[in-house]
Amino acid sequence: MAEQAGALRLTAPSVGGPIDVYRLTAEGAHALSDEDVEQVRERVRRWAELDNEALDQLPRS
Protein backbone atom coordinates (compact mmCIF):
# COMPACT_ATOMS: atom_id res chain seq x y z
CA MET A 1 0.00 0.00 0.00
CA ALA A 2 2.83 2.44 0.82
CA GLU A 3 4.40 1.88 -2.61
CA GLN A 4 1.08 2.64 -4.26
CA ALA A 5 0.73 5.85 -2.26
CA GLY A 6 4.28 6.88 -3.23
CA ALA A 7 3.61 6.16 -6.89
CA LEU A 8 0.36 8.11 -6.74
CA ARG A 9 2.14 11.12 -5.24
CA LEU A 10 4.62 11.07 -8.13
CA THR A 11 2.00 10.80 -10.85
CA ALA A 12 -0.65 12.99 -9.19
CA PRO A 13 1.09 15.35 -6.73
CA SER A 14 -2.13 17.22 -6.04
CA VAL A 15 -3.52 14.12 -4.30
CA GLY A 16 -3.14 14.23 -0.53
CA GLY A 17 -1.38 16.73 1.64
CA PRO A 18 2.02 16.96 3.26
CA ILE A 19 3.51 13.70 4.49
CA ASP A 20 4.44 13.40 8.15
CA VAL A 21 7.31 11.03 8.92
CA TYR A 22 7.65 9.33 12.29
CA ARG A 23 10.32 7.19 13.91
CA LEU A 24 8.73 4.36 15.86
CA THR A 25 10.62 2.81 18.77
CA ALA A 26 9.75 0.87 21.90
CA GLU A 27 9.61 4.24 23.69
CA GLY A 28 6.96 5.57 21.31
CA ALA A 29 6.56 7.63 18.14
CA HIS A 30 8.67 10.69 17.36
CA ALA A 31 7.80 13.06 14.52
CA LEU A 32 10.75 13.91 12.30
CA SER A 33 11.30 17.58 11.54
CA ASP A 34 11.95 18.81 8.01
CA GLU A 35 15.65 18.98 8.98
CA ASP A 36 15.58 15.36 10.20
CA VAL A 37 13.97 14.22 6.94
CA GLU A 38 16.59 16.11 4.90
CA GLN A 39 19.37 14.42 6.88
CA VAL A 40 17.87 11.04 6.07
CA ARG A 41 17.56 12.00 2.40
CA GLU A 42 21.22 13.01 2.33
CA ARG A 43 22.26 9.69 3.88
CA VAL A 44 20.19 7.81 1.31
CA ARG A 45 21.74 9.86 -1.53
CA ARG A 46 25.23 9.08 -0.19
CA TRP A 47 24.38 5.39 0.20
CA ALA A 48 23.17 5.30 -3.41
CA GLU A 49 26.40 6.98 -4.60
CA LEU A 50 28.55 4.46 -2.72
CA ASP A 51 26.43 1.60 -4.00
CA ASN A 52 26.85 2.78 -7.59
CA GLU A 53 30.60 3.22 -7.11
CA ALA A 54 30.87 -0.34 -5.76
CA LEU A 55 28.81 -1.73 -8.63
CA ASP A 56 31.01 0.13 -11.13
CA GLN A 57 34.01 -1.79 -9.75
CA LEU A 58 32.51 -5.20 -10.50
CA PRO A 59 34.03 -7.02 -13.46
CA ARG A 60 31.92 -6.93 -16.59
CA SER A 61 31.29 -10.20 -18.34
C-alpha atoms as a PDB file:
ATOM      1  CA  MET A   1       0.000   0.000   0.000  1.00  0.00           C
ATOM      2  CA  ALA A   2       2.832   2.444   0.816  1.00  0.00           C
ATOM      3  CA  GLU A   3       4.403   1.881  -2.613  1.00  0.00           C
ATOM      4  CA  GLN A   4       1.077   2.635  -4.259  1.00  0.00           C
ATOM      5  CA  ALA A   5       0.732   5.855  -2.259  1.00  0.00           C
ATOM      6  CA  GLY A   6       4.277   6.877  -3.233  1.00  0.00           C
ATOM      7  CA  ALA A   7       3.608   6.159  -6.895  1.00  0.00           C
ATOM      8  CA  LEU A   8       0.362   8.107  -6.741  1.00  0.00           C
ATOM      9  CA  ARG A   9       2.137  11.123  -5.235  1.00  0.00           C
ATOM     10  CA  LEU A  10       4.622  11.066  -8.129  1.00  0.00           C
ATOM     11  CA  THR A  11       1.996  10.799 -10.847  1.00  0.00           C
ATOM     12  CA  ALA A  12      -0.655  12.993  -9.185  1.00  0.00           C
ATOM     13  CA  PRO A  13       1.094  15.350  -6.734  1.00  0.00           C
ATOM     14  CA  SER A  14      -2.130  17.223  -6.038  1.00  0.00           C
ATOM     15  CA  VAL A  15      -3.516  14.124  -4.299  1.00  0.00           C
ATOM     16  CA  GLY A  16      -3.140  14.229  -0.533  1.00  0.00           C
ATOM     17  CA  GLY A  17      -1.382  16.730   1.641  1.00  0.00           C
ATOM     18  CA  PRO A  18       2.024  16.959   3.264  1.00  0.00           C
ATOM     19  CA  ILE A  19       3.507  13.701   4.491  1.00  0.00           C
ATOM     20  CA  ASP A  20       4.442  13.401   8.153  1.00  0.00           C
ATOM     21  CA  VAL A  21       7.314  11.029   8.916  1.00  0.00           C
ATOM     22  CA  TYR A  22       7.646   9.331  12.293  1.00  0.00           C
ATOM     23  CA  ARG A  23      10.317   7.191  13.906  1.00  0.00           C
ATOM     24  CA  LEU A  24       8.730   4.356  15.861  1.00  0.00           C
ATOM     25  CA  THR A  25      10.620   2.812  18.772  1.00  0.00           C
ATOM     26  CA  ALA A  26       9.746   0.873  21.904  1.00  0.00           C
ATOM     27  CA  GLU A  27       9.608   4.239  23.689  1.00  0.00           C
ATOM     28  CA  GLY A  28       6.959   5.569  21.306  1.00  0.00           C
ATOM     29  CA  ALA A  29       6.559   7.628  18.138  1.00  0.00           C
ATOM     30  CA  HIS A  30       8.674  10.689  17.360  1.00  0.00           C
ATOM     31  CA  ALA A  31       7.804  13.057  14.525  1.00  0.00           C
ATOM     32  CA  LEU A  32      10.753  13.907  12.299  1.00  0.00           C
ATOM     33  CA  SER A  33      11.300  17.575  11.542  1.00  0.00           C
ATOM     34  CA  ASP A  34      11.951  18.807   8.014  1.00  0.00           C
ATOM     35  CA  GLU A  35      15.646  18.980   8.976  1.00  0.00           C
ATOM     36  CA  ASP A  36      15.577  15.357  10.195  1.00  0.00           C
ATOM     37  CA  VAL A  37      13.972  14.218   6.940  1.00  0.00           C
ATOM     38  CA  GLU A  38      16.586  16.113   4.897  1.00  0.00           C
ATOM     39  CA  GLN A  39      19.375  14.424   6.880  1.00  0.00           C
ATOM     40  CA  VAL A  40      17.866  11.039   6.067  1.00  0.00           C
ATOM     41  CA  ARG A  41      17.556  12.002   2.396  1.00  0.00           C
ATOM     42  CA  GLU A  42      21.221  13.011   2.333  1.00  0.00           C
ATOM     43  CA  ARG A  43      22.257   9.691   3.879  1.00  0.00           C
ATOM     44  CA  VAL A  44      20.189   7.808   1.306  1.00  0.00           C
ATOM     45  CA  ARG A  45      21.742   9.856  -1.525  1.00  0.00           C
ATOM     46  CA  ARG A  46      25.229   9.083  -0.187  1.00  0.00           C
ATOM     47  CA  TRP A  47      24.379   5.395   0.204  1.00  0.00           C
ATOM     48  CA  ALA A  48      23.175   5.302  -3.414  1.00  0.00           C
ATOM     49  CA  GLU A  49      26.398   6.976  -4.602  1.00  0.00           C
ATOM     50  CA  LEU A  50      28.552   4.462  -2.716  1.00  0.00           C
ATOM     51  CA  ASP A  51      26.429   1.596  -4.003  1.00  0.00           C
ATOM     52  CA  ASN A  52      26.847   2.784  -7.587  1.00  0.00           C
ATOM     53  CA  GLU A  53      30.597   3.217  -7.112  1.00  0.00           C
ATOM     54  CA  ALA A  54      30.871  -0.340  -5.758  1.00  0.00           C
ATOM     55  CA  LEU A  55      28.809  -1.730  -8.628  1.00  0.00           C
ATOM     56  CA  ASP A  56      31.010   0.134 -11.126  1.00  0.00           C
ATOM     57  CA  GLN A  57      34.012  -1.786  -9.753  1.00  0.00           C
ATOM     58  CA  LEU A  58      32.510  -5.203 -10.501  1.00  0.00           C
ATOM     59  CA  PRO A  59      34.029  -7.018 -13.457  1.00  0.00           C
ATOM     60  CA  ARG A  60      31.923  -6.929 -16.589  1.00  0.00           C
ATOM     61  CA  SER A  61      31.287 -10.203 -18.339  1.00  0.00           C
END
